[in-house]
Amino acid sequence: MREAKRRGANVCRNGFRSLLIVAAFGFGGAARAQIPPSPAEIAAYDALHLAAYRGDLSALRQAAVTGNGLEVRDGQGRTALHVATHARQREVMRELAKAGADTRALDAQFYDAITIAAVADDLETMRAALAIGGDPRAITSPYRGTALIAAAHLGHDGVVRELIAAGAPLDHVNNLGWTALIEAVILGDGGPRHVETVRALVTAGARRDLADRDGVTPLQHASRRGYAAMVALLQ
């Protein structure tokens, strides 16, 4: 009887964890909080935000000439820099930084330019965000994570390697109780890019012994899912 109750509790816990994953990241796996400007929002933009989205440097310079409005927000809390990052307008990002824009600003969902580019798997734009003063160690997202955790969860291995080189924290634990290494396993598909993500993290020295809130390590998660290549890296 006691053993049956224990198994029942484990089933309930695992079911709750599955619901938590779906609620946090949606059925498609990508964090729902990453919201690029919609067509309706873009149509309503004027001045700085519109110039940032279009990559119109002349209009941007005119709008930013006094330095006023650099931190004006749209309905999702995006500054012109966030809009430029979503639109992959790297020259605009550099121009905004020169004008004095806050390169570490967070939008309404607590994402900065680095994390926006990391989630988009946009390595060049992320490099631009780093170069203008973005912080690879910043705590971002509603899950109190980092750009590295977001990229690892999606298997963006090139972005992961770049963030590691930039000094992103390897072992930060988000408010779900997960590190970048754990997310690469439990939210990954076990495919080549997630395997390379795990390889990059392990090679850089990410702690393989850090378990989730249920005491399950990355190796145990990989073993349960039959991710043989990850198991080999994590042993």
Protein backbone atom coordinates (compact mmCIF):
# COMPACT_ATOMS: atom_id res chain seq x y z
CA MET A 1 0.00 0.00 0.00
CA ARG A 2 2.78 2.40 0.93
CA GLU A 3 4.60 1.64 -2.32
CA ALA A 4 1.41 2.22 -4.33
CA LYS A 5 0.92 5.60 -2.67
CA ARG A 6 4.53 6.54 -3.44
CA ARG A 7 4.09 5.60 -7.10
CA GLY A 8 0.85 7.56 -7.24
CA ALA A 9 2.57 10.62 -5.84
CA ASN A 10 5.32 10.31 -8.44
CA VAL A 11 2.76 10.06 -11.24
CA CYS A 12 0.99 13.18 -9.97
CA ARG A 13 4.28 15.05 -9.68
CA ASN A 14 5.36 14.04 -13.17
CA GLY A 15 1.95 14.98 -14.57
CA PHE A 16 2.18 18.38 -12.93
CA ARG A 17 5.68 18.85 -14.34
CA SER A 18 4.37 18.07 -17.83
CA LEU A 19 1.59 20.61 -17.43
CA LEU A 20 4.14 23.14 -16.18
CA ILE A 21 6.28 22.64 -19.29
CA VAL A 22 3.29 23.10 -21.58
CA ALA A 23 2.12 26.18 -19.69
CA ALA A 24 5.58 27.73 -19.74
CA PHE A 25 6.63 26.97 -23.29
CA GLY A 26 3.57 25.92 -25.24
CA PHE A 27 3.14 22.77 -27.31
CA GLY A 28 5.58 24.01 -29.95
CA GLY A 29 8.44 24.26 -27.46
CA ALA A 30 9.28 27.95 -27.97
CA ALA A 31 8.76 30.43 -25.18
CA ARG A 32 5.50 32.21 -25.89
CA ALA A 33 6.72 35.44 -24.27
CA GLN A 34 8.96 36.17 -27.27
CA ILE A 35 6.60 38.50 -29.13
CA PRO A 36 7.83 40.27 -32.28
CA PRO A 37 5.90 43.34 -33.44
CA SER A 38 2.65 42.37 -35.17
CA PRO A 39 1.61 43.84 -38.54
CA ALA A 40 -0.95 45.99 -36.73
CA GLU A 41 1.66 47.32 -34.33
CA ILE A 42 4.09 48.07 -37.14
CA ALA A 43 1.35 49.95 -39.04
CA ALA A 44 0.77 52.09 -35.94
CA TYR A 45 4.44 52.91 -35.38
CA ASP A 46 5.75 56.38 -36.06
CA ALA A 47 9.03 58.24 -35.60
CA LEU A 48 11.70 56.20 -33.81
CA HIS A 49 10.01 52.79 -33.69
CA LEU A 50 9.07 52.91 -37.36
CA ALA A 51 12.55 54.01 -38.40
CA ALA A 52 14.05 51.23 -36.25
CA TYR A 53 11.84 48.58 -37.82
CA ARG A 54 12.46 49.75 -41.38
CA GLY A 55 16.19 50.31 -40.91
CA ASP A 56 15.82 53.92 -42.03
CA LEU A 57 18.99 55.46 -40.58
CA SER A 58 18.24 58.97 -41.81
CA ALA A 59 14.81 59.03 -40.17
CA LEU A 60 16.26 57.38 -37.11
CA ARG A 61 18.90 60.09 -36.70
CA GLN A 62 16.27 62.80 -37.08
CA ALA A 63 14.02 61.14 -34.49
CA ALA A 64 16.88 60.59 -32.05
CA VAL A 65 18.73 63.87 -32.55
CA THR A 66 17.72 65.29 -29.16
CA GLY A 67 18.02 62.00 -27.32
CA ASN A 68 14.35 62.29 -26.33
CA GLY A 69 12.18 59.23 -26.81
CA LEU A 70 14.99 56.67 -26.96
CA GLU A 71 13.30 54.69 -24.20
CA VAL A 72 9.71 55.23 -25.33
CA ARG A 73 7.82 51.92 -25.20
CA ASP A 74 5.21 50.38 -27.46
CA GLY A 75 2.27 48.34 -26.16
CA GLN A 76 4.50 45.35 -25.39
CA GLY A 77 7.09 47.44 -23.61
CA ARG A 78 9.51 47.37 -26.55
CA THR A 79 11.94 50.21 -27.06
CA ALA A 80 13.21 51.07 -30.53
CA LEU A 81 16.23 48.87 -29.78
CA HIS A 82 14.00 45.85 -29.13
CA VAL A 83 12.14 46.53 -32.38
CA ALA A 84 15.40 46.82 -34.31
CA THR A 85 16.58 43.53 -32.80
CA HIS A 86 13.40 41.71 -33.83
CA ALA A 87 13.78 43.21 -37.33
CA ARG A 88 17.49 42.27 -37.52
CA GLN A 89 18.42 45.88 -38.16
CA ARG A 90 21.96 45.72 -36.81
CA GLU A 91 23.08 49.13 -38.10
CA VAL A 92 20.08 50.66 -36.36
CA MET A 93 21.04 48.91 -33.14
CA ARG A 94 24.52 50.41 -33.34
CA GLU A 95 23.14 53.85 -34.15
CA LEU A 96 20.74 53.73 -31.21
CA ALA A 97 23.56 52.74 -28.87
CA LYS A 98 25.63 55.70 -30.09
CA ALA A 99 22.68 58.00 -29.42
CA GLY A 100 22.52 56.76 -25.83
CA ALA A 101 19.81 54.12 -25.89
CA ASP A 102 19.78 51.65 -23.00
CA THR A 103 21.37 48.54 -24.52
CA ARG A 104 20.26 46.39 -21.57
CA ALA A 105 16.61 47.44 -21.51
CA LEU A 106 13.99 44.76 -20.85
CA ASP A 107 10.64 44.63 -22.61
CA ALA A 108 7.32 43.89 -20.89
CA GLN A 109 8.16 40.17 -20.76
CA PHE A 110 11.64 40.88 -19.36
CA TYR A 111 13.58 40.11 -22.52
CA ASP A 112 16.62 42.08 -23.61
CA ALA A 113 18.11 42.38 -27.10
CA ILE A 114 20.56 39.52 -26.51
CA THR A 115 17.82 37.08 -25.48
CA ILE A 116 15.53 38.18 -28.32
CA ALA A 117 18.28 37.40 -30.85
CA ALA A 118 19.26 34.18 -29.05
CA VAL A 119 15.72 32.82 -29.21
CA ALA A 120 15.51 33.79 -32.91
CA ASP A 121 18.74 31.82 -33.55
CA ASP A 122 20.11 35.04 -35.03
CA LEU A 123 23.82 34.84 -34.27
CA GLU A 124 24.87 38.02 -36.08
CA THR A 125 22.22 40.16 -34.40
CA MET A 126 23.13 38.69 -31.04
CA ARG A 127 26.78 39.56 -31.67
CA ALA A 128 25.67 43.11 -32.43
CA ALA A 129 23.71 43.22 -29.16
CA LEU A 130 26.80 42.04 -27.27
CA ALA A 131 29.06 44.52 -29.06
CA ILE A 132 26.92 47.54 -28.15
CA GLY A 133 26.99 46.70 -24.45
CA GLY A 134 24.38 44.02 -23.81
CA ASP A 135 25.01 41.85 -20.77
CA PRO A 136 25.31 38.08 -21.44
CA ARG A 137 24.91 37.49 -17.69
CA ALA A 138 21.57 39.32 -17.44
CA ILE A 139 18.61 37.64 -15.78
CA THR A 140 15.81 37.72 -18.35
CA SER A 141 12.36 36.29 -19.16
CA PRO A 142 9.39 35.63 -16.88
CA TYR A 143 11.23 32.45 -15.82
CA ARG A 144 14.17 34.37 -14.33
CA GLY A 145 16.53 32.66 -16.73
CA THR A 146 19.27 33.81 -19.08
CA ALA A 147 19.84 34.05 -22.82
CA LEU A 148 21.97 30.91 -22.49
CA ILE A 149 19.12 28.91 -20.97
CA ALA A 150 16.74 30.12 -23.70
CA ALA A 151 19.18 29.17 -26.46
CA ALA A 152 19.98 25.79 -24.88
CA HIS A 153 16.30 24.92 -24.57
CA LEU A 154 15.88 25.50 -28.32
CA GLY A 155 19.12 23.76 -29.35
CA HIS A 156 20.66 26.88 -30.85
CA ASP A 157 24.15 25.47 -30.52
CA GLY A 158 26.02 28.26 -32.33
CA VAL A 159 24.37 30.87 -30.14
CA VAL A 160 25.14 28.77 -27.07
CA ARG A 161 28.83 28.64 -27.95
CA GLU A 162 28.90 32.41 -28.54
CA LEU A 163 27.21 33.13 -25.22
CA ILE A 164 29.59 30.83 -23.38
CA ALA A 165 32.53 32.65 -24.93
CA ALA A 166 30.96 35.98 -23.88
CA GLY A 167 30.81 34.87 -20.23
CA ALA A 168 27.21 33.78 -19.80
CA PRO A 169 26.67 31.95 -16.48
CA LEU A 170 26.81 28.21 -17.10
CA ASP A 171 24.92 27.03 -14.04
CA HIS A 172 22.23 29.64 -13.42
CA VAL A 173 19.01 28.02 -12.16
CA ASN A 174 15.76 29.60 -13.36
CA ASN A 175 12.51 29.75 -11.40
CA LEU A 176 11.46 26.39 -12.86
CA GLY A 177 14.50 24.84 -11.20
CA TRP A 178 16.36 24.20 -14.43
CA THR A 179 19.85 25.01 -15.71
CA ALA A 180 20.80 25.42 -19.37
CA LEU A 181 22.05 21.82 -19.37
CA ILE A 182 18.81 20.47 -17.93
CA GLU A 183 16.71 22.44 -20.43
CA ALA A 184 18.79 21.19 -23.37
CA VAL A 185 17.83 17.66 -22.32
CA ILE A 186 14.25 17.87 -21.07
CA LEU A 187 13.01 20.47 -23.56
CA GLY A 188 15.18 19.27 -26.43
CA ASP A 189 14.41 16.61 -29.02
CA GLY A 190 17.65 14.66 -28.65
CA GLY A 191 18.65 15.67 -32.18
CA PRO A 192 22.04 16.87 -33.47
CA ARG A 193 21.70 20.53 -32.43
CA HIS A 194 20.60 19.71 -28.90
CA VAL A 195 23.43 17.18 -28.67
CA GLU A 196 25.91 19.85 -29.77
CA THR A 197 24.39 22.21 -27.22
CA VAL A 198 25.00 19.66 -24.47
CA ARG A 199 28.53 19.10 -25.78
CA ALA A 200 29.28 22.84 -25.69
CA LEU A 201 27.96 23.19 -22.14
CA VAL A 202 29.79 20.14 -20.81
CA THR A 203 33.04 21.13 -22.53
CA ALA A 204 32.77 24.61 -21.01
CA GLY A 205 32.42 23.10 -17.54
CA ALA A 206 28.68 23.21 -16.84
CA ARG A 207 27.89 21.17 -13.76
CA ARG A 208 26.44 17.79 -14.65
CA ASP A 209 25.54 17.04 -11.03
CA LEU A 210 23.02 19.87 -10.64
CA ALA A 211 19.61 18.22 -10.46
CA ASP A 212 16.12 19.61 -10.92
CA ARG A 213 13.69 20.10 -8.03
CA ASP A 214 12.80 16.40 -8.13
CA GLY A 215 16.47 15.46 -7.72
CA VAL A 216 16.81 14.24 -11.32
CA THR A 217 20.14 15.00 -12.99
CA PRO A 218 20.67 15.79 -16.69
CA LEU A 219 22.14 12.30 -17.17
CA GLN A 220 19.08 10.66 -15.65
CA HIS A 221 16.76 12.76 -17.82
CA ALA A 222 18.73 11.80 -20.94
CA SER A 223 18.71 8.12 -19.96
CA ARG A 224 14.94 8.12 -19.41
CA ARG A 225 14.40 9.66 -22.84
CA GLY A 226 16.77 7.29 -24.62
CA TYR A 227 19.06 10.10 -25.78
CA ALA A 228 22.13 7.90 -26.22
CA ALA A 229 24.43 10.61 -27.60
CA MET A 230 23.63 12.89 -24.68
CA VAL A 231 24.12 10.06 -22.20
CA ALA A 232 27.61 9.47 -23.61
CA LEU A 233 28.46 13.16 -23.11
CA LEU A 234 27.00 13.36 -19.62
CA GLN A 235 28.49 10.20 -18.12
